[in-house]
Amino acid sequence: MRTPCVIILSLLLAGCASSQPGAGLTAEQARTLAMQLANDKAATLYHCQPFHDGQPARFAEGRWVWTDRRGVGHEDVQVTVELAADGSTNRVDLELFDSMNRVMWR
């Protein structure tokens, strides 16, 4: 009689644990993974790795989202990383903004 109760209790607890938002990662783990992915893409495209700290990722609409913007010389690099709840990569969007004033010569 005790074994079926233990099995039922285990199944109930497993169901509760897997239904928590973002059960696969914590906000800090999602931030760390997102920074790594952002730096990998920045290194490939722009030969820099500007993301070393930042706010924790936020869990919204069933996925982790992490955004940051950093100055690199005369340019800014902005990134948005989206991760599935389990940590798989959904999207890494990296943009480069040139903040240097340009003078047009005629």
PDB file of N, CA and C in Angstrom:
ATOM      1  N   MET A   1       0.815  -1.184   0.000  1.00  0.00           N
ATOM      2  CA  MET A   1       0.000   0.000   0.000  1.00  0.00           C
ATOM      3  C   MET A   1       0.871   1.264   0.000  1.00  0.00           C
ATOM      4  N   ARG A   2       2.011   1.187   0.635  1.00  0.00           N
ATOM      5  CA  ARG A   2       2.873   2.351   0.740  1.00  0.00           C
ATOM      6  C   ARG A   2       3.546   2.659  -0.604  1.00  0.00           C
ATOM      7  N   THR A   3       3.913   1.655  -1.382  1.00  0.00           N
ATOM      8  CA  THR A   3       4.592   1.857  -2.659  1.00  0.00           C
ATOM      9  C   THR A   3       3.726   2.634  -3.644  1.00  0.00           C
ATOM     10  N   PRO A   4       2.437   2.316  -3.839  1.00  0.00           N
ATOM     11  CA  PRO A   4       1.628   3.109  -4.769  1.00  0.00           C
ATOM     12  C   PRO A   4       1.516   4.572  -4.339  1.00  0.00           C
ATOM     13  N   CYS A   5       1.455   4.837  -3.050  1.00  0.00           N
ATOM     14  CA  CYS A   5       1.381   6.222  -2.571  1.00  0.00           C
ATOM     15  C   CYS A   5       2.662   6.983  -2.898  1.00  0.00           C
ATOM     16  N   VAL A   6       3.797   6.323  -2.737  1.00  0.00           N
ATOM     17  CA  VAL A   6       5.080   6.958  -3.044  1.00  0.00           C
ATOM     18  C   VAL A   6       5.172   7.249  -4.537  1.00  0.00           C
ATOM     19  N   ILE A   7       4.716   6.325  -5.362  1.00  0.00           N
ATOM     20  CA  ILE A   7       4.762   6.520  -6.812  1.00  0.00           C
ATOM     21  C   ILE A   7       3.861   7.680  -7.213  1.00  0.00           C
ATOM     22  N   ILE A   8       2.656   7.719  -6.683  1.00  0.00           N
ATOM     23  CA  ILE A   8       1.723   8.795  -7.008  1.00  0.00           C
ATOM     24  C   ILE A   8       2.275  10.144  -6.551  1.00  0.00           C
ATOM     25  N   LEU A   9       2.822  10.197  -5.347  1.00  0.00           N
ATOM     26  CA  LEU A   9       3.401  11.435  -4.841  1.00  0.00           C
ATOM     27  C   LEU A   9       4.570  11.890  -5.706  1.00  0.00           C
ATOM     28  N   SER A  10       5.412  10.950  -6.127  1.00  0.00           N
ATOM     29  CA  SER A  10       6.551  11.287  -6.996  1.00  0.00           C
ATOM     30  C   SER A  10       6.084  11.861  -8.320  1.00  0.00           C
ATOM     31  N   LEU A  11       5.051  11.269  -8.908  1.00  0.00           N
ATOM     32  CA  LEU A  11       4.531  11.771 -10.177  1.00  0.00           C
ATOM     33  C   LEU A  11       3.933  13.167 -10.022  1.00  0.00           C
ATOM     34  N   LEU A  12       3.232  13.391  -8.932  1.00  0.00           N
ATOM     35  CA  LEU A  12       2.667  14.719  -8.688  1.00  0.00           C
ATOM     36  C   LEU A  12       3.756  15.773  -8.524  1.00  0.00           C
ATOM     37  N   LEU A  13       4.795  15.437  -7.778  1.00  0.00           N
ATOM     38  CA  LEU A  13       5.894  16.385  -7.584  1.00  0.00           C
ATOM     39  C   LEU A  13       6.641  16.643  -8.883  1.00  0.00           C
ATOM     40  N   ALA A  14       6.835  15.625  -9.687  1.00  0.00           N
ATOM     41  CA  ALA A  14       7.514  15.797 -10.975  1.00  0.00           C
ATOM     42  C   ALA A  14       6.692  16.690 -11.888  1.00  0.00           C
ATOM     43  N   GLY A  15       5.389  16.521 -11.884  1.00  0.00           N
ATOM     44  CA  GLY A  15       4.517  17.363 -12.695  1.00  0.00           C
ATOM     45  C   GLY A  15       4.561  18.809 -12.257  1.00  0.00           C
ATOM     46  N   CYS A  16       4.607  19.063 -10.977  1.00  0.00           N
ATOM     47  CA  CYS A  16       4.684  20.440 -10.464  1.00  0.00           C
ATOM     48  C   CYS A  16       6.008  21.075 -10.832  1.00  0.00           C
ATOM     49  N   ALA A  17       7.079  20.346 -10.734  1.00  0.00           N
ATOM     50  CA  ALA A  17       8.398  20.904 -11.012  1.00  0.00           C
ATOM     51  C   ALA A  17       8.536  21.266 -12.484  1.00  0.00           C
ATOM     52  N   SER A  18       7.984  20.458 -13.381  1.00  0.00           N
ATOM     53  CA  SER A  18       8.167  20.745 -14.796  1.00  0.00           C
ATOM     54  C   SER A  18       7.239  21.838 -15.293  1.00  0.00           C
ATOM     55  N   SER A  19       6.197  22.186 -14.543  1.00  0.00           N
ATOM     56  CA  SER A  19       5.274  23.213 -15.000  1.00  0.00           C
ATOM     57  C   SER A  19       5.672  24.617 -14.535  1.00  0.00           C
ATOM     58  N   GLN A  20       6.743  24.755 -13.770  1.00  0.00           N
ATOM     59  CA  GLN A  20       7.191  26.069 -13.334  1.00  0.00           C
ATOM     60  C   GLN A  20       7.756  26.829 -14.522  1.00  0.00           C
ATOM     61  N   PRO A  21       7.509  28.154 -14.602  1.00  0.00           N
ATOM     62  CA  PRO A  21       8.067  28.934 -15.704  1.00  0.00           C
ATOM     63  C   PRO A  21       9.579  28.841 -15.723  1.00  0.00           C
ATOM     64  N   GLY A  22      10.131  28.537 -16.881  1.00  0.00           N
ATOM     65  CA  GLY A  22      11.575  28.506 -17.021  1.00  0.00           C
ATOM     66  C   GLY A  22      12.248  27.462 -16.165  1.00  0.00           C
ATOM     67  N   ALA A  23      11.588  26.335 -15.924  1.00  0.00           N
ATOM     68  CA  ALA A  23      12.124  25.323 -15.022  1.00  0.00           C
ATOM     69  C   ALA A  23      13.494  24.822 -15.453  1.00  0.00           C
ATOM     70  N   GLY A  24      13.835  24.963 -16.738  1.00  0.00           N
ATOM     71  CA  GLY A  24      15.107  24.471 -17.222  1.00  0.00           C
ATOM     72  C   GLY A  24      16.296  25.307 -16.783  1.00  0.00           C
ATOM     73  N   LEU A  25      16.119  26.620 -16.646  1.00  0.00           N
ATOM     74  CA  LEU A  25      17.211  27.527 -16.309  1.00  0.00           C
ATOM     75  C   LEU A  25      16.762  28.527 -15.249  1.00  0.00           C
ATOM     76  N   THR A  26      17.719  29.029 -14.497  1.00  0.00           N
ATOM     77  CA  THR A  26      17.453  30.180 -13.626  1.00  0.00           C
ATOM     78  C   THR A  26      17.712  31.448 -14.451  1.00  0.00           C
ATOM     79  N   ALA A  27      17.309  32.587 -13.939  1.00  0.00           N
ATOM     80  CA  ALA A  27      17.546  33.853 -14.630  1.00  0.00           C
ATOM     81  C   ALA A  27      19.042  34.107 -14.804  1.00  0.00           C
ATOM     82  N   GLU A  28      19.825  33.738 -13.809  1.00  0.00           N
ATOM     83  CA  GLU A  28      21.286  33.930 -13.884  1.00  0.00           C
ATOM     84  C   GLU A  28      21.915  32.991 -14.917  1.00  0.00           C
ATOM     85  N   GLN A  29      21.460  31.751 -14.968  1.00  0.00           N
ATOM     86  CA  GLN A  29      21.965  30.804 -15.969  1.00  0.00           C
ATOM     87  C   GLN A  29      21.606  31.262 -17.376  1.00  0.00           C
ATOM     88  N   ALA A  30      20.382  31.761 -17.543  1.00  0.00           N
ATOM     89  CA  ALA A  30      19.954  32.261 -18.848  1.00  0.00           C
ATOM     90  C   ALA A  30      20.799  33.469 -19.255  1.00  0.00           C
ATOM     91  N   ARG A  31      21.108  34.363 -18.305  1.00  0.00           N
ATOM     92  CA  ARG A  31      21.952  35.529 -18.592  1.00  0.00           C
ATOM     93  C   ARG A  31      23.343  35.094 -19.029  1.00  0.00           C
ATOM     94  N   THR A  32      23.919  34.158 -18.309  1.00  0.00           N
ATOM     95  CA  THR A  32      25.266  33.685 -18.630  1.00  0.00           C
ATOM     96  C   THR A  32      25.316  33.052 -20.022  1.00  0.00           C
ATOM     97  N   LEU A  33      24.344  32.204 -20.325  1.00  0.00           N
ATOM     98  CA  LEU A  33      24.283  31.574 -21.640  1.00  0.00           C
ATOM     99  C   LEU A  33      24.059  32.614 -22.730  1.00  0.00           C
ATOM    100  N   ALA A  34      23.163  33.566 -22.492  1.00  0.00           N
ATOM    101  CA  ALA A  34      22.889  34.612 -23.473  1.00  0.00           C
ATOM    102  C   ALA A  34      24.129  35.459 -23.738  1.00  0.00           C
ATOM    103  N   MET A  35      24.872  35.810 -22.688  1.00  0.00           N
ATOM    104  CA  MET A  35      26.105  36.589 -22.868  1.00  0.00           C
ATOM    105  C   MET A  35      27.118  35.822 -23.698  1.00  0.00           C
ATOM    106  N   GLN A  36      27.237  34.524 -23.435  1.00  0.00           N
ATOM    107  CA  GLN A  36      28.178  33.697 -24.199  1.00  0.00           C
ATOM    108  C   GLN A  36      27.790  33.683 -25.683  1.00  0.00           C
ATOM    109  N   LEU A  37      26.505  33.498 -25.971  1.00  0.00           N
ATOM    110  CA  LEU A  37      26.044  33.488 -27.358  1.00  0.00           C
ATOM    111  C   LEU A  37      26.238  34.852 -28.017  1.00  0.00           C
ATOM    112  N   ALA A  38      25.964  35.926 -27.271  1.00  0.00           N
ATOM    113  CA  ALA A  38      26.146  37.281 -27.802  1.00  0.00           C
ATOM    114  C   ALA A  38      27.614  37.558 -28.097  1.00  0.00           C
ATOM    115  N   ASN A  39      28.506  37.174 -27.188  1.00  0.00           N
ATOM    116  CA  ASN A  39      29.937  37.380 -27.410  1.00  0.00           C
ATOM    117  C   ASN A  39      30.456  36.539 -28.563  1.00  0.00           C
ATOM    118  N   ASP A  40      29.947  35.322 -28.714  1.00  0.00           N
ATOM    119  CA  ASP A  40      30.363  34.477 -29.841  1.00  0.00           C
ATOM    120  C   ASP A  40      29.994  35.134 -31.170  1.00  0.00           C
ATOM    121  N   LYS A  41      28.778  35.656 -31.250  1.00  0.00           N
ATOM    122  CA  LYS A  41      28.343  36.296 -32.498  1.00  0.00           C
ATOM    123  C   LYS A  41      29.095  37.604 -32.729  1.00  0.00           C
ATOM    124  N   ALA A  42      29.315  38.399 -31.665  1.00  0.00           N
ATOM    125  CA  ALA A  42      30.067  39.650 -31.797  1.00  0.00           C
ATOM    126  C   ALA A  42      31.502  39.366 -32.233  1.00  0.00           C
ATOM    127  N   ALA A  43      32.104  38.306 -31.716  1.00  0.00           N
ATOM    128  CA  ALA A  43      33.470  37.951 -32.106  1.00  0.00           C
ATOM    129  C   ALA A  43      33.527  37.564 -33.584  1.00  0.00           C
ATOM    130  N   THR A  44      32.529  36.839 -34.048  1.00  0.00           N
ATOM    131  CA  THR A  44      32.487  36.420 -35.447  1.00  0.00           C
ATOM    132  C   THR A  44      32.277  37.612 -36.378  1.00  0.00           C
ATOM    133  N   LEU A  45      31.349  38.496 -36.027  1.00  0.00           N
ATOM    134  CA  LEU A  45      31.002  39.601 -36.918  1.00  0.00           C
ATOM    135  C   LEU A  45      31.903  40.822 -36.779  1.00  0.00           C
ATOM    136  N   TYR A  46      32.271  41.178 -35.540  1.00  0.00           N
ATOM    137  CA  TYR A  46      32.947  42.451 -35.291  1.00  0.00           C
ATOM    138  C   TYR A  46      34.291  42.312 -34.569  1.00  0.00           C
ATOM    139  N   HIS A  47      34.723  41.098 -34.316  1.00  0.00           N
ATOM    140  CA  HIS A  47      36.014  40.827 -33.677  1.00  0.00           C
ATOM    141  C   HIS A  47      36.134  41.462 -32.297  1.00  0.00           C
ATOM    142  N   CYS A  48      35.060  41.393 -31.513  1.00  0.00           N
ATOM    143  CA  CYS A  48      35.081  41.887 -30.139  1.00  0.00           C
ATOM    144  C   CYS A  48      34.140  41.021 -29.296  1.00  0.00           C
ATOM    145  N   GLN A  49      34.319  41.081 -27.995  1.00  0.00           N
ATOM    146  CA  GLN A  49      33.447  40.377 -27.049  1.00  0.00           C
ATOM    147  C   GLN A  49      33.090  41.349 -25.925  1.00  0.00           C
ATOM    148  N   PRO A  50      32.129  42.241 -26.160  1.00  0.00           N
ATOM    149  CA  PRO A  50      31.864  43.332 -25.221  1.00  0.00           C
ATOM    150  C   PRO A  50      30.953  42.996 -24.043  1.00  0.00           C
ATOM    151  N   PHE A  51      30.335  41.831 -24.029  1.00  0.00           N
ATOM    152  CA  PHE A  51      29.323  41.545 -23.011  1.00  0.00           C
ATOM    153  C   PHE A  51      29.917  40.716 -21.877  1.00  0.00           C
ATOM    154  N   HIS A  52      30.101  41.365 -20.706  1.00  0.00           N
ATOM    155  CA  HIS A  52      30.719  40.694 -19.565  1.00  0.00           C
ATOM    156  C   HIS A  52      29.879  40.738 -18.305  1.00  0.00           C
ATOM    157  N   ASP A  53      28.871  41.548 -18.283  1.00  0.00           N
ATOM    158  CA  ASP A  53      27.951  41.611 -17.153  1.00  0.00           C
ATOM    159  C   ASP A  53      26.635  42.150 -17.684  1.00  0.00           C
ATOM    160  N   GLY A  54      25.704  42.359 -16.816  1.00  0.00           N
ATOM    161  CA  GLY A  54      24.419  42.874 -17.261  1.00  0.00           C
ATOM    162  C   GLY A  54      23.299  42.357 -16.377  1.00  0.00           C
ATOM    163  N   GLN A  55      22.108  42.773 -16.692  1.00  0.00           N
ATOM    164  CA  GLN A  55      20.936  42.365 -15.939  1.00  0.00           C
ATOM    165  C   GLN A  55      20.632  40.889 -16.186  1.00  0.00           C
ATOM    166  N   PRO A  56      20.005  40.223 -15.219  1.00  0.00           N
ATOM    167  CA  PRO A  56      19.566  38.845 -15.459  1.00  0.00           C
ATOM    168  C   PRO A  56      18.541  38.811 -16.593  1.00  0.00           C
ATOM    169  N   ALA A  57      18.430  37.676 -17.231  1.00  0.00           N
ATOM    170  CA  ALA A  57      17.425  37.498 -18.273  1.00  0.00           C
ATOM    171  C   ALA A  57      16.041  37.511 -17.622  1.00  0.00           C
ATOM    172  N   ARG A  58      15.043  37.856 -18.414  1.00  0.00           N
ATOM    173  CA  ARG A  58      13.673  37.824 -17.893  1.00  0.00           C
ATOM    174  C   ARG A  58      12.887  36.748 -18.642  1.00  0.00           C
ATOM    175  N   PHE A  59      11.975  36.111 -17.943  1.00  0.00           N
ATOM    176  CA  PHE A  59      11.163  35.061 -18.537  1.00  0.00           C
ATOM    177  C   PHE A  59       9.837  35.672 -18.958  1.00  0.00           C
ATOM    178  N   ALA A  60       9.549  35.665 -20.259  1.00  0.00           N
ATOM    179  CA  ALA A  60       8.326  36.274 -20.776  1.00  0.00           C
ATOM    180  C   ALA A  60       7.780  35.427 -21.917  1.00  0.00           C
ATOM    181  N   GLU A  61       6.499  35.171 -21.875  1.00  0.00           N
ATOM    182  CA  GLU A  61       5.804  34.442 -22.935  1.00  0.00           C
ATOM    183  C   GLU A  61       6.465  33.095 -23.250  1.00  0.00           C
ATOM    184  N   GLY A  62       6.899  32.400 -22.214  1.00  0.00           N
ATOM    185  CA  GLY A  62       7.442  31.057 -22.388  1.00  0.00           C
ATOM    186  C   GLY A  62       8.884  30.981 -22.841  1.00  0.00           C
ATOM    187  N   ARG A  63       9.606  32.098 -22.806  1.00  0.00           N
ATOM    188  CA  ARG A  63      11.017  32.077 -23.226  1.00  0.00           C
ATOM    189  C   ARG A  63      11.814  33.076 -22.401  1.00  0.00           C
ATOM    190  N   TRP A  64      13.135  32.883 -22.379  1.00  0.00           N
ATOM    191  CA  TRP A  64      14.050  33.804 -21.719  1.00  0.00           C
ATOM    192  C   TRP A  64      14.461  34.871 -22.726  1.00  0.00           C
ATOM    193  N   VAL A  65      14.511  36.129 -22.288  1.00  0.00           N
ATOM    194  CA  VAL A  65      14.934  37.236 -23.141  1.00  0.00           C
ATOM    195  C   VAL A  65      16.007  38.024 -22.391  1.00  0.00           C
ATOM    196  N   TRP A  66      17.122  38.286 -23.067  1.00  0.00           N
ATOM    197  CA  TRP A  66      18.205  39.083 -22.485  1.00  0.00           C
ATOM    198  C   TRP A  66      18.608  40.128 -23.512  1.00  0.00           C
ATOM    199  N   THR A  67      18.692  41.387 -23.087  1.00  0.00           N
ATOM    200  CA  THR A  67      19.104  42.469 -23.974  1.00  0.00           C
ATOM    201  C   THR A  67      20.200  43.285 -23.290  1.00  0.00           C
ATOM    202  N   ASP A  68      21.049  43.863 -24.109  1.00  0.00           N
ATOM    203  CA  ASP A  68      22.118  44.718 -23.597  1.00  0.00           C
ATOM    204  C   ASP A  68      22.615  45.597 -24.736  1.00  0.00           C
ATOM    205  N   ARG A  69      23.231  46.707 -24.374  1.00  0.00           N
ATOM    206  CA  ARG A  69      23.852  47.610 -25.350  1.00  0.00           C
ATOM    207  C   ARG A  69      25.160  48.102 -24.762  1.00  0.00           C
ATOM    208  N   ARG A  70      26.224  48.006 -25.532  1.00  0.00           N
ATOM    209  CA  ARG A  70      27.564  48.382 -25.074  1.00  0.00           C
ATOM    210  C   ARG A  70      28.250  49.261 -26.091  1.00  0.00           C
ATOM    211  N   GLY A  71      29.047  50.183 -25.581  1.00  0.00           N
ATOM    212  CA  GLY A  71      29.879  51.006 -26.435  1.00  0.00           C
ATOM    213  C   GLY A  71      31.182  50.293 -26.735  1.00  0.00           C
ATOM    214  N   VAL A  72      31.572  50.323 -28.001  1.00  0.00           N
ATOM    215  CA  VAL A  72      32.833  49.726 -28.438  1.00  0.00           C
ATOM    216  C   VAL A  72      33.498  50.749 -29.351  1.00  0.00           C
ATOM    217  N   GLY A  73      34.431  51.517 -28.804  1.00  0.00           N
ATOM    218  CA  GLY A  73      35.060  52.582 -29.588  1.00  0.00           C
ATOM    219  C   GLY A  73      34.031  53.634 -29.953  1.00  0.00           C
ATOM    220  N   HIS A  74      33.920  53.939 -31.250  1.00  0.00           N
ATOM    221  CA  HIS A  74      32.945  54.924 -31.735  1.00  0.00           C
ATOM    222  C   HIS A  74      31.623  54.259 -32.100  1.00  0.00           C
ATOM    223  N   GLU A  75      31.441  53.036 -31.702  1.00  0.00           N
ATOM    224  CA  GLU A  75      30.249  52.290 -32.087  1.00  0.00           C
ATOM    225  C   GLU A  75      29.574  51.693 -30.856  1.00  0.00           C
ATOM    226  N   ASP A  76      28.306  51.415 -30.994  1.00  0.00           N
ATOM    227  CA  ASP A  76      27.541  50.711 -29.975  1.00  0.00           C
ATOM    228  C   ASP A  76      27.102  49.375 -30.549  1.00  0.00           C
ATOM    229  N   VAL A  77      27.139  48.361 -29.707  1.00  0.00           N
ATOM    230  CA  VAL A  77      26.656  47.043 -30.090  1.00  0.00           C
ATOM    231  C   VAL A  77      25.448  46.741 -29.217  1.00  0.00           C
ATOM    232  N   GLN A  78      24.337  46.439 -29.858  1.00  0.00           N
ATOM    233  CA  GLN A  78      23.111  46.100 -29.138  1.00  0.00           C
ATOM    234  C   GLN A  78      22.742  44.659 -29.459  1.00  0.00           C
ATOM    235  N   VAL A  79      22.336  43.923 -28.430  1.00  0.00           N
ATOM    236  CA  VAL A  79      22.001  42.519 -28.636  1.00  0.00           C
ATOM    237  C   VAL A  79      20.685  42.185 -27.949  1.00  0.00           C
ATOM    238  N   THR A  80      19.935  41.302 -28.572  1.00  0.00           N
ATOM    239  CA  THR A  80      18.764  40.677 -27.976  1.00  0.00           C
ATOM    240  C   THR A  80      18.912  39.180 -28.198  1.00  0.00           C
ATOM    241  N   VAL A  81      18.898  38.429 -27.099  1.00  0.00           N
ATOM    242  CA  VAL A  81      19.016  36.969 -27.177  1.00  0.00           C
ATOM    243  C   VAL A  81      17.732  36.376 -26.622  1.00  0.00           C
ATOM    244  N   GLU A  82      17.148  35.457 -27.370  1.00  0.00           N
ATOM    245  CA  GLU A  82      15.972  34.732 -26.911  1.00  0.00           C
ATOM    246  C   GLU A  82      16.335  33.258 -26.790  1.00  0.00           C
ATOM    247  N   LEU A  83      15.992  32.689 -25.644  1.00  0.00           N
ATOM    248  CA  LEU A  83      16.246  31.280 -25.371  1.00  0.00           C
ATOM    249  C   LEU A  83      14.940  30.595 -25.016  1.00  0.00           C
ATOM    250  N   ALA A  84      14.797  29.351 -25.421  1.00  0.00           N
ATOM    251  CA  ALA A  84      13.653  28.562 -24.980  1.00  0.00           C
ATOM    252  C   ALA A  84      13.809  28.302 -23.487  1.00  0.00           C
ATOM    253  N   ALA A  85      12.745  27.875 -22.848  1.00  0.00           N
ATOM    254  CA  ALA A  85      12.780  27.618 -21.403  1.00  0.00           C
ATOM    255  C   ALA A  85      13.860  26.617 -21.028  1.00  0.00           C
ATOM    256  N   ASP A  86      14.177  25.689 -21.943  1.00  0.00           N
ATOM    257  CA  ASP A  86      15.193  24.669 -21.657  1.00  0.00           C
ATOM    258  C   ASP A  86      16.609  25.135 -21.969  1.00  0.00           C
ATOM    259  N   GLY A  87      16.754  26.356 -22.504  1.00  0.00           N
ATOM    260  CA  GLY A  87      18.078  26.898 -22.790  1.00  0.00           C
ATOM    261  C   GLY A  87      18.497  26.802 -24.237  1.00  0.00           C
ATOM    262  N   SER A  88      17.694  26.165 -25.081  1.00  0.00           N
ATOM    263  CA  SER A  88      18.064  26.100 -26.494  1.00  0.00           C
ATOM    264  C   SER A  88      17.902  27.493 -27.113  1.00  0.00           C
ATOM    265  N   THR A  89      18.723  27.773 -28.110  1.00  0.00           N
ATOM    266  CA  THR A  89      18.757  29.104 -28.704  1.00  0.00           C
ATOM    267  C   THR A  89      17.605  29.293 -29.671  1.00  0.00           C
ATOM    268  N   ASN A  90      16.869  30.375 -29.478  1.00  0.00           N
ATOM    269  CA  ASN A  90      15.820  30.738 -30.429  1.00  0.00           C
ATOM    270  C   ASN A  90      16.315  31.808 -31.394  1.00  0.00           C
ATOM    271  N   ARG A  91      17.043  32.819 -30.848  1.00  0.00           N
ATOM    272  CA  ARG A  91      17.460  33.933 -31.692  1.00  0.00           C
ATOM    273  C   ARG A  91      18.564  34.721 -31.005  1.00  0.00           C
ATOM    274  N   VAL A  92      19.549  35.146 -31.788  1.00  0.00           N
ATOM    275  CA  VAL A  92      20.571  36.088 -31.324  1.00  0.00           C
ATOM    276  C   VAL A  92      20.605  37.210 -32.356  1.00  0.00           C
ATOM    277  N   ASP A  93      20.112  38.382 -31.974  1.00  0.00           N
ATOM    278  CA  ASP A  93      20.023  39.525 -32.869  1.00  0.00           C
ATOM    279  C   ASP A  93      21.031  40.564 -32.406  1.00  0.00           C
ATOM    280  N   LEU A  94      22.048  40.805 -33.223  1.00  0.00           N
ATOM    281  CA  LEU A  94      23.136  41.712 -32.873  1.00  0.00           C
ATOM    282  C   LEU A  94      23.156  42.854 -33.889  1.00  0.00           C
ATOM    283  N   GLU A  95      23.180  44.095 -33.390  1.00  0.00           N
ATOM    284  CA  GLU A  95      23.202  45.259 -34.263  1.00  0.00           C
ATOM    285  C   GLU A  95      24.366  46.159 -33.884  1.00  0.00           C
ATOM    286  N   LEU A  96      24.974  46.763 -34.881  1.00  0.00           N
ATOM    287  CA  LEU A  96      26.087  47.692 -34.683  1.00  0.00           C
ATOM    288  C   LEU A  96      25.627  49.083 -35.083  1.00  0.00           C
ATOM    289  N   PHE A  97      25.787  50.053 -34.180  1.00  0.00           N
ATOM    290  CA  PHE A  97      25.416  51.432 -34.427  1.00  0.00           C
ATOM    291  C   PHE A  97      26.673  52.280 -34.409  1.00  0.00           C
ATOM    292  N   ASP A  98      26.892  53.049 -35.461  1.00  0.00           N
ATOM    293  CA  ASP A  98      28.054  53.926 -35.549  1.00  0.00           C
ATOM    294  C   ASP A  98      27.660  55.287 -34.996  1.00  0.00           C
ATOM    295  N   SER A  99      28.303  55.712 -33.905  1.00  0.00           N
ATOM    296  CA  SER A  99      27.973  56.985 -33.270  1.00  0.00           C
ATOM    297  C   SER A  99      28.947  58.095 -33.658  1.00  0.00           C
ATOM    298  N   MET A 100      29.829  57.827 -34.592  1.00  0.00           N
ATOM    299  CA  MET A 100      30.812  58.821 -35.011  1.00  0.00           C
ATOM    300  C   MET A 100      30.158  59.835 -35.952  1.00  0.00           C
ATOM    301  N   ASN A 101      30.402  61.110 -35.686  1.00  0.00           N
ATOM    302  CA  ASN A 101      29.869  62.155 -36.569  1.00  0.00           C
ATOM    303  C   ASN A 101      30.578  62.081 -37.911  1.00  0.00           C
ATOM    304  N   ARG A 102      29.797  62.150 -38.943  1.00  0.00           N
ATOM    305  CA  ARG A 102      30.372  62.115 -40.293  1.00  0.00           C
ATOM    306  C   ARG A 102      30.231  63.499 -40.931  1.00  0.00           C
ATOM    307  N   VAL A 103      31.277  63.923 -41.583  1.00  0.00           N
ATOM    308  CA  VAL A 103      31.261  65.200 -42.291  1.00  0.00           C
ATOM    309  C   VAL A 103      31.184  64.877 -43.772  1.00  0.00           C
ATOM    310  N   MET A 104      30.213  65.461 -44.431  1.00  0.00           N
ATOM    311  CA  MET A 104      30.079  65.227 -45.866  1.00  0.00           C
ATOM    312  C   MET A 104      30.829  66.318 -46.619  1.00  0.00           C
ATOM    313  N   TRP A 105      31.716  65.935 -47.505  1.00  0.00           N
ATOM    314  CA  TRP A 105      32.503  66.860 -48.307  1.00  0.00           C
ATOM    315  C   TRP A 105      31.908  66.914 -49.708  1.00  0.00           C
ATOM    316  N   ARG A 106      31.861  68.101 -50.250  1.00  0.00           N
ATOM    317  CA  ARG A 106      31.355  68.252 -51.622  1.00  0.00           C
ATOM    318  C   ARG A 106      32.450  68.665 -52.527  1.00  0.00           C
TER     319      ARG A 106
END
